[in-house]
Amino acid sequence: MFKRVISHQGFWKSVVVLSLVYAIIMYVIQWGLAGRWSEFFSAKAVVLLIFIFGSFLVGFLVTYGKFWRKLKEQDYKK
């Protein structure tokens, strides 16, 4: 089922879009909590990589759940 879900048309596009949306939302929230532009933009590369990886992981998991449910519903209709 895993290969079927990740090879479904539109899966990776949805992962990228949801990852970007999540990253932007978290970026704005984190900037608001930091309060200062200079402190916020002086983040180390490791922190930025963790931030990007976390955004991708959330986007992937949400999209996987969405497409898995869609394919399961199609299987039950048959």
PDB file of N, CA and C in Angstrom:
ATOM      1  N   MET A   1       0.819  -1.191   0.000  1.00  0.00           N
ATOM      2  CA  MET A   1       0.000   0.000   0.000  1.00  0.00           C
ATOM      3  C   MET A   1       0.868   1.261   0.000  1.00  0.00           C
ATOM      4  N   PHE A   2       2.031   1.179   0.658  1.00  0.00           N
ATOM      5  CA  PHE A   2       2.905   2.344   0.730  1.00  0.00           C
ATOM      6  C   PHE A   2       3.344   2.800  -0.661  1.00  0.00           C
ATOM      7  N   LYS A   3       3.809   1.845  -1.479  1.00  0.00           N
ATOM      8  CA  LYS A   3       4.252   2.188  -2.832  1.00  0.00           C
ATOM      9  C   LYS A   3       3.101   2.714  -3.673  1.00  0.00           C
ATOM     10  N   ARG A   4       1.942   2.170  -3.450  1.00  0.00           N
ATOM     11  CA  ARG A   4       0.763   2.615  -4.194  1.00  0.00           C
ATOM     12  C   ARG A   4       0.412   4.060  -3.847  1.00  0.00           C
ATOM     13  N   VAL A   5       0.533   4.400  -2.586  1.00  0.00           N
ATOM     14  CA  VAL A   5       0.201   5.760  -2.157  1.00  0.00           C
ATOM     15  C   VAL A   5       1.230   6.756  -2.678  1.00  0.00           C
ATOM     16  N   ILE A   6       2.523   6.460  -2.504  1.00  0.00           N
ATOM     17  CA  ILE A   6       3.529   7.453  -2.905  1.00  0.00           C
ATOM     18  C   ILE A   6       3.683   7.559  -4.418  1.00  0.00           C
ATOM     19  N   SER A   7       3.186   6.569  -5.165  1.00  0.00           N
ATOM     20  CA  SER A   7       3.254   6.663  -6.617  1.00  0.00           C
ATOM     21  C   SER A   7       1.970   7.230  -7.222  1.00  0.00           C
ATOM     22  N   HIS A   8       1.004   7.548  -6.387  1.00  0.00           N
ATOM     23  CA  HIS A   8      -0.257   8.098  -6.873  1.00  0.00           C
ATOM     24  C   HIS A   8      -0.017   9.489  -7.452  1.00  0.00           C
ATOM     25  N   GLN A   9      -0.742   9.791  -8.530  1.00  0.00           N
ATOM     26  CA  GLN A   9      -0.581  11.080  -9.199  1.00  0.00           C
ATOM     27  C   GLN A   9      -0.957  12.226  -8.254  1.00  0.00           C
ATOM     28  N   GLY A  10      -0.092  13.198  -8.138  1.00  0.00           N
ATOM     29  CA  GLY A  10      -0.351  14.366  -7.312  1.00  0.00           C
ATOM     30  C   GLY A  10       0.142  14.260  -5.885  1.00  0.00           C
ATOM     31  N   PHE A  11       0.650  13.098  -5.498  1.00  0.00           N
ATOM     32  CA  PHE A  11       1.089  12.911  -4.112  1.00  0.00           C
ATOM     33  C   PHE A  11       2.241  13.849  -3.762  1.00  0.00           C
ATOM     34  N   TRP A  12       3.299  13.833  -4.557  1.00  0.00           N
ATOM     35  CA  TRP A  12       4.489  14.627  -4.218  1.00  0.00           C
ATOM     36  C   TRP A  12       4.240  16.120  -4.339  1.00  0.00           C
ATOM     37  N   LYS A  13       3.381  16.512  -5.257  1.00  0.00           N
ATOM     38  CA  LYS A  13       3.025  17.928  -5.366  1.00  0.00           C
ATOM     39  C   LYS A  13       2.312  18.385  -4.099  1.00  0.00           C
ATOM     40  N   SER A  14       1.424  17.559  -3.603  1.00  0.00           N
ATOM     41  CA  SER A  14       0.711  17.871  -2.379  1.00  0.00           C
ATOM     42  C   SER A  14       1.655  17.913  -1.179  1.00  0.00           C
ATOM     43  N   VAL A  15       2.650  17.018  -1.151  1.00  0.00           N
ATOM     44  CA  VAL A  15       3.641  17.025  -0.070  1.00  0.00           C
ATOM     45  C   VAL A  15       4.388  18.345  -0.063  1.00  0.00           C
ATOM     46  N   VAL A  16       4.828  18.794  -1.222  1.00  0.00           N
ATOM     47  CA  VAL A  16       5.591  20.040  -1.315  1.00  0.00           C
ATOM     48  C   VAL A  16       4.739  21.234  -0.885  1.00  0.00           C
ATOM     49  N   VAL A  17       3.506  21.289  -1.359  1.00  0.00           N
ATOM     50  CA  VAL A  17       2.627  22.414  -1.016  1.00  0.00           C
ATOM     51  C   VAL A  17       2.334  22.448   0.484  1.00  0.00           C
ATOM     52  N   LEU A  18       1.974  21.312   1.061  1.00  0.00           N
ATOM     53  CA  LEU A  18       1.682  21.278   2.494  1.00  0.00           C
ATOM     54  C   LEU A  18       2.925  21.565   3.334  1.00  0.00           C
ATOM     55  N   SER A  19       4.075  21.111   2.878  1.00  0.00           N
ATOM     56  CA  SER A  19       5.316  21.404   3.598  1.00  0.00           C
ATOM     57  C   SER A  19       5.616  22.899   3.592  1.00  0.00           C
ATOM     58  N   LEU A  20       5.421  23.536   2.452  1.00  0.00           N
ATOM     59  CA  LEU A  20       5.650  24.978   2.370  1.00  0.00           C
ATOM     60  C   LEU A  20       4.673  25.761   3.239  1.00  0.00           C
ATOM     61  N   VAL A  21       3.422  25.365   3.208  1.00  0.00           N
ATOM     62  CA  VAL A  21       2.414  26.048   4.032  1.00  0.00           C
ATOM     63  C   VAL A  21       2.754  25.892   5.518  1.00  0.00           C
ATOM     64  N   TYR A  22       3.095  24.684   5.922  1.00  0.00           N
ATOM     65  CA  TYR A  22       3.459  24.442   7.320  1.00  0.00           C
ATOM     66  C   TYR A  22       4.708  25.230   7.698  1.00  0.00           C
ATOM     67  N   ALA A  23       5.693  25.268   6.814  1.00  0.00           N
ATOM     68  CA  ALA A  23       6.930  25.998   7.098  1.00  0.00           C
ATOM     69  C   ALA A  23       6.662  27.491   7.250  1.00  0.00           C
ATOM     70  N   ILE A  24       5.828  28.032   6.390  1.00  0.00           N
ATOM     71  CA  ILE A  24       5.514  29.468   6.480  1.00  0.00           C
ATOM     72  C   ILE A  24       4.772  29.773   7.769  1.00  0.00           C
ATOM     73  N   ILE A  25       3.802  28.955   8.116  1.00  0.00           N
ATOM     74  CA  ILE A  25       3.051  29.177   9.356  1.00  0.00           C
ATOM     75  C   ILE A  25       3.970  29.085  10.575  1.00  0.00           C
ATOM     76  N   MET A  26       4.805  28.065  10.619  1.00  0.00           N
ATOM     77  CA  MET A  26       5.721  27.916  11.751  1.00  0.00           C
ATOM     78  C   MET A  26       6.763  29.036  11.781  1.00  0.00           C
ATOM     79  N   TYR A  27       7.195  29.480  10.608  1.00  0.00           N
ATOM     80  CA  TYR A  27       8.153  30.577  10.508  1.00  0.00           C
ATOM     81  C   TYR A  27       7.571  31.848  11.111  1.00  0.00           C
ATOM     82  N   VAL A  28       6.325  32.152  10.770  1.00  0.00           N
ATOM     83  CA  VAL A  28       5.663  33.356  11.297  1.00  0.00           C
ATOM     84  C   VAL A  28       5.449  33.235  12.804  1.00  0.00           C
ATOM     85  N   ILE A  29       5.034  32.068  13.269  1.00  0.00           N
ATOM     86  CA  ILE A  29       4.836  31.861  14.705  1.00  0.00           C
ATOM     87  C   ILE A  29       6.153  31.997  15.459  1.00  0.00           C
ATOM     88  N   GLN A  30       7.199  31.384  14.933  1.00  0.00           N
ATOM     89  CA  GLN A  30       8.499  31.449  15.595  1.00  0.00           C
ATOM     90  C   GLN A  30       9.036  32.876  15.583  1.00  0.00           C
ATOM     91  N   TRP A  31       8.853  33.595  14.488  1.00  0.00           N
ATOM     92  CA  TRP A  31       9.279  34.987  14.418  1.00  0.00           C
ATOM     93  C   TRP A  31       8.511  35.825  15.447  1.00  0.00           C
ATOM     94  N   GLY A  32       7.227  35.579  15.578  1.00  0.00           N
ATOM     95  CA  GLY A  32       6.424  36.319  16.549  1.00  0.00           C
ATOM     96  C   GLY A  32       6.848  36.047  17.978  1.00  0.00           C
ATOM     97  N   LEU A  33       7.247  34.811  18.260  1.00  0.00           N
ATOM     98  CA  LEU A  33       7.695  34.483  19.613  1.00  0.00           C
ATOM     99  C   LEU A  33       9.105  34.995  19.889  1.00  0.00           C
ATOM    100  N   ALA A  34       9.938  35.079  18.861  1.00  0.00           N
ATOM    101  CA  ALA A  34      11.308  35.573  19.054  1.00  0.00           C
ATOM    102  C   ALA A  34      11.285  37.068  19.326  1.00  0.00           C
ATOM    103  N   GLY A  35      10.461  37.801  18.608  1.00  0.00           N
ATOM    104  CA  GLY A  35      10.290  39.219  18.883  1.00  0.00           C
ATOM    105  C   GLY A  35      11.311  40.136  18.250  1.00  0.00           C
ATOM    106  N   ARG A  36      12.466  39.646  17.898  1.00  0.00           N
ATOM    107  CA  ARG A  36      13.483  40.498  17.289  1.00  0.00           C
ATOM    108  C   ARG A  36      13.952  39.874  15.990  1.00  0.00           C
ATOM    109  N   TRP A  37      14.073  40.702  14.960  1.00  0.00           N
ATOM    110  CA  TRP A  37      14.501  40.217  13.655  1.00  0.00           C
ATOM    111  C   TRP A  37      15.936  39.707  13.689  1.00  0.00           C
ATOM    112  N   SER A  38      16.820  40.429  14.382  1.00  0.00           N
ATOM    113  CA  SER A  38      18.238  40.050  14.366  1.00  0.00           C
ATOM    114  C   SER A  38      18.469  38.688  15.008  1.00  0.00           C
ATOM    115  N   GLU A  39      17.787  38.398  16.104  1.00  0.00           N
ATOM    116  CA  GLU A  39      17.939  37.095  16.762  1.00  0.00           C
ATOM    117  C   GLU A  39      17.318  35.984  15.922  1.00  0.00           C
ATOM    118  N   PHE A  40      16.231  36.300  15.278  1.00  0.00           N
ATOM    119  CA  PHE A  40      15.514  35.275  14.520  1.00  0.00           C
ATOM    120  C   PHE A  40      16.293  34.846  13.283  1.00  0.00           C
ATOM    121  N   PHE A  41      16.910  35.790  12.594  1.00  0.00           N
ATOM    122  CA  PHE A  41      17.618  35.465  11.360  1.00  0.00           C
ATOM    123  C   PHE A  41      19.062  35.026  11.585  1.00  0.00           C
ATOM    124  N   SER A  42      19.511  34.991  12.818  1.00  0.00           N
ATOM    125  CA  SER A  42      20.871  34.529  13.090  1.00  0.00           C
ATOM    126  C   SER A  42      20.889  33.059  13.507  1.00  0.00           C
ATOM    127  N   ALA A  43      19.894  32.309  13.084  1.00  0.00           N
ATOM    128  CA  ALA A  43      19.807  30.899  13.441  1.00  0.00           C
ATOM    129  C   ALA A  43      20.923  30.108  12.760  1.00  0.00           C
ATOM    130  N   LYS A  44      21.369  29.088  13.425  1.00  0.00           N
ATOM    131  CA  LYS A  44      22.427  28.243  12.889  1.00  0.00           C
ATOM    132  C   LYS A  44      21.872  27.309  11.806  1.00  0.00           C
ATOM    133  N   ALA A  45      22.765  26.804  10.983  1.00  0.00           N
ATOM    134  CA  ALA A  45      22.360  25.949   9.863  1.00  0.00           C
ATOM    135  C   ALA A  45      21.670  24.675  10.343  1.00  0.00           C
ATOM    136  N   VAL A  46      22.106  24.141  11.480  1.00  0.00           N
ATOM    137  CA  VAL A  46      21.497  22.914  12.003  1.00  0.00           C
ATOM    138  C   VAL A  46      20.032  23.165  12.369  1.00  0.00           C
ATOM    139  N   VAL A  47      19.756  24.300  12.957  1.00  0.00           N
ATOM    140  CA  VAL A  47      18.386  24.637  13.333  1.00  0.00           C
ATOM    141  C   VAL A  47      17.525  24.769  12.072  1.00  0.00           C
ATOM    142  N   LEU A  48      18.054  25.399  11.053  1.00  0.00           N
ATOM    143  CA  LEU A  48      17.299  25.552   9.806  1.00  0.00           C
ATOM    144  C   LEU A  48      17.052  24.203   9.130  1.00  0.00           C
ATOM    145  N   LEU A  49      18.037  23.307   9.169  1.00  0.00           N
ATOM    146  CA  LEU A  49      17.847  21.976   8.588  1.00  0.00           C
ATOM    147  C   LEU A  49      16.794  21.182   9.341  1.00  0.00           C
ATOM    148  N   ILE A  50      16.793  21.282  10.644  1.00  0.00           N
ATOM    149  CA  ILE A  50      15.770  20.609  11.453  1.00  0.00           C
ATOM    150  C   ILE A  50      14.392  21.191  11.133  1.00  0.00           C
ATOM    151  N   PHE A  51      14.323  22.492  10.975  1.00  0.00           N
ATOM    152  CA  PHE A  51      13.085  23.179  10.645  1.00  0.00           C
ATOM    153  C   PHE A  51      12.554  22.694   9.286  1.00  0.00           C
ATOM    154  N   ILE A  52      13.433  22.607   8.290  1.00  0.00           N
ATOM    155  CA  ILE A  52      13.041  22.159   6.952  1.00  0.00           C
ATOM    156  C   ILE A  52      12.628  20.684   6.978  1.00  0.00           C
ATOM    157  N   PHE A  53      13.401  19.848   7.664  1.00  0.00           N
ATOM    158  CA  PHE A  53      13.068  18.428   7.763  1.00  0.00           C
ATOM    159  C   PHE A  53      11.731  18.222   8.465  1.00  0.00           C
ATOM    160  N   GLY A  54      11.488  18.970   9.537  1.00  0.00           N
ATOM    161  CA  GLY A  54      10.217  18.864  10.250  1.00  0.00           C
ATOM    162  C   GLY A  54       9.042  19.264   9.386  1.00  0.00           C
ATOM    163  N   SER A  55       9.213  20.318   8.594  1.00  0.00           N
ATOM    164  CA  SER A  55       8.152  20.754   7.690  1.00  0.00           C
ATOM    165  C   SER A  55       7.862  19.687   6.641  1.00  0.00           C
ATOM    166  N   PHE A  56       8.929  19.089   6.100  1.00  0.00           N
ATOM    167  CA  PHE A  56       8.740  18.027   5.110  1.00  0.00           C
ATOM    168  C   PHE A  56       8.047  16.823   5.734  1.00  0.00           C
ATOM    169  N   LEU A  57       8.450  16.455   6.948  1.00  0.00           N
ATOM    170  CA  LEU A  57       7.865  15.294   7.614  1.00  0.00           C
ATOM    171  C   LEU A  57       6.373  15.491   7.861  1.00  0.00           C
ATOM    172  N   VAL A  58       5.993  16.655   8.333  1.00  0.00           N
ATOM    173  CA  VAL A  58       4.575  16.928   8.574  1.00  0.00           C
ATOM    174  C   VAL A  58       3.797  16.909   7.257  1.00  0.00           C
ATOM    175  N   GLY A  59       4.344  17.546   6.226  1.00  0.00           N
ATOM    176  CA  GLY A  59       3.687  17.547   4.927  1.00  0.00           C
ATOM    177  C   GLY A  59       3.522  16.149   4.365  1.00  0.00           C
ATOM    178  N   PHE A  60       4.559  15.313   4.517  1.00  0.00           N
ATOM    179  CA  PHE A  60       4.504  13.942   4.018  1.00  0.00           C
ATOM    180  C   PHE A  60       3.459  13.130   4.773  1.00  0.00           C
ATOM    181  N   LEU A  61       3.464  13.214   6.094  1.00  0.00           N
ATOM    182  CA  LEU A  61       2.533  12.404   6.885  1.00  0.00           C
ATOM    183  C   LEU A  61       1.078  12.797   6.651  1.00  0.00           C
ATOM    184  N   VAL A  62       0.813  14.083   6.572  1.00  0.00           N
ATOM    185  CA  VAL A  62      -0.563  14.530   6.336  1.00  0.00           C
ATOM    186  C   VAL A  62      -1.028  14.105   4.942  1.00  0.00           C
ATOM    187  N   THR A  63      -0.163  14.277   3.954  1.00  0.00           N
ATOM    188  CA  THR A  63      -0.518  13.887   2.590  1.00  0.00           C
ATOM    189  C   THR A  63      -0.675  12.380   2.467  1.00  0.00           C
ATOM    190  N   TYR A  64       0.189  11.625   3.123  1.00  0.00           N
ATOM    191  CA  TYR A  64       0.077  10.167   3.087  1.00  0.00           C
ATOM    192  C   TYR A  64      -1.265   9.729   3.659  1.00  0.00           C
ATOM    193  N   GLY A  65      -1.651  10.306   4.783  1.00  0.00           N
ATOM    194  CA  GLY A  65      -2.945   9.966   5.375  1.00  0.00           C
ATOM    195  C   GLY A  65      -4.107  10.306   4.468  1.00  0.00           C
ATOM    196  N   LYS A  66      -4.010  11.450   3.805  1.00  0.00           N
ATOM    197  CA  LYS A  66      -5.078  11.873   2.905  1.00  0.00           C
ATOM    198  C   LYS A  66      -5.214  10.919   1.717  1.00  0.00           C
ATOM    199  N   PHE A  67      -4.097  10.579   1.092  1.00  0.00           N
ATOM    200  CA  PHE A  67      -4.140   9.696  -0.068  1.00  0.00           C
ATOM    201  C   PHE A  67      -4.447   8.261   0.323  1.00  0.00           C
ATOM    202  N   TRP A  68      -3.982   7.816   1.478  1.00  0.00           N
ATOM    203  CA  TRP A  68      -4.287   6.455   1.945  1.00  0.00           C
ATOM    204  C   TRP A  68      -5.788   6.299   2.136  1.00  0.00           C
ATOM    205  N   ARG A  69      -6.406   7.297   2.764  1.00  0.00           N
ATOM    206  CA  ARG A  69      -7.853   7.263   2.981  1.00  0.00           C
ATOM    207  C   ARG A  69      -8.600   7.251   1.650  1.00  0.00           C
ATOM    208  N   LYS A  70      -8.134   8.068   0.709  1.00  0.00           N
ATOM    209  CA  LYS A  70      -8.770   8.141  -0.600  1.00  0.00           C
ATOM    210  C   LYS A  70      -8.701   6.787  -1.316  1.00  0.00           C
ATOM    211  N   LEU A  71      -7.551   6.138  -1.284  1.00  0.00           N
ATOM    212  CA  LEU A  71      -7.402   4.842  -1.943  1.00  0.00           C
ATOM    213  C   LEU A  71      -8.201   3.745  -1.227  1.00  0.00           C
ATOM    214  N   LYS A  72      -8.256   3.793   0.094  1.00  0.00           N
ATOM    215  CA  LYS A  72      -9.051   2.806   0.832  1.00  0.00           C
ATOM    216  C   LYS A  72     -10.532   2.936   0.503  1.00  0.00           C
ATOM    217  N   GLU A  73     -11.022   4.177   0.395  1.00  0.00           N
ATOM    218  CA  GLU A  73     -12.422   4.384   0.035  1.00  0.00           C
ATOM    219  C   GLU A  73     -12.704   3.851  -1.369  1.00  0.00           C
ATOM    220  N   GLN A  74     -11.757   4.033  -2.292  1.00  0.00           N
ATOM    221  CA  GLN A  74     -11.933   3.495  -3.640  1.00  0.00           C
ATOM    222  C   GLN A  74     -11.966   1.966  -3.623  1.00  0.00           C
ATOM    223  N   ASP A  75     -11.120   1.358  -2.769  1.00  0.00           N
ATOM    224  CA  ASP A  75     -11.100  -0.108  -2.674  1.00  0.00           C
ATOM    225  C   ASP A  75     -12.405  -0.653  -2.113  1.00  0.00           C
ATOM    226  N   TYR A  76     -12.992   0.028  -1.136  1.00  0.00           N
ATOM    227  CA  TYR A  76     -14.234  -0.450  -0.526  1.00  0.00           C
ATOM    228  C   TYR A  76     -15.427  -0.303  -1.461  1.00  0.00           C
ATOM    229  N   LYS A  77     -15.362   0.649  -2.379  1.00  0.00           N
ATOM    230  CA  LYS A  77     -16.465   0.839  -3.332  1.00  0.00           C
ATOM    231  C   LYS A  77     -16.503  -0.287  -4.356  1.00  0.00           C
ATOM    232  N   LYS A  78     -15.351  -0.922  -4.604  1.00  0.00           N
ATOM    233  CA  LYS A  78     -15.296  -1.994  -5.608  1.00  0.00           C
ATOM    234  C   LYS A  78     -15.855  -3.284  -5.114  1.00  0.00           C
TER     235      LYS A  78
END
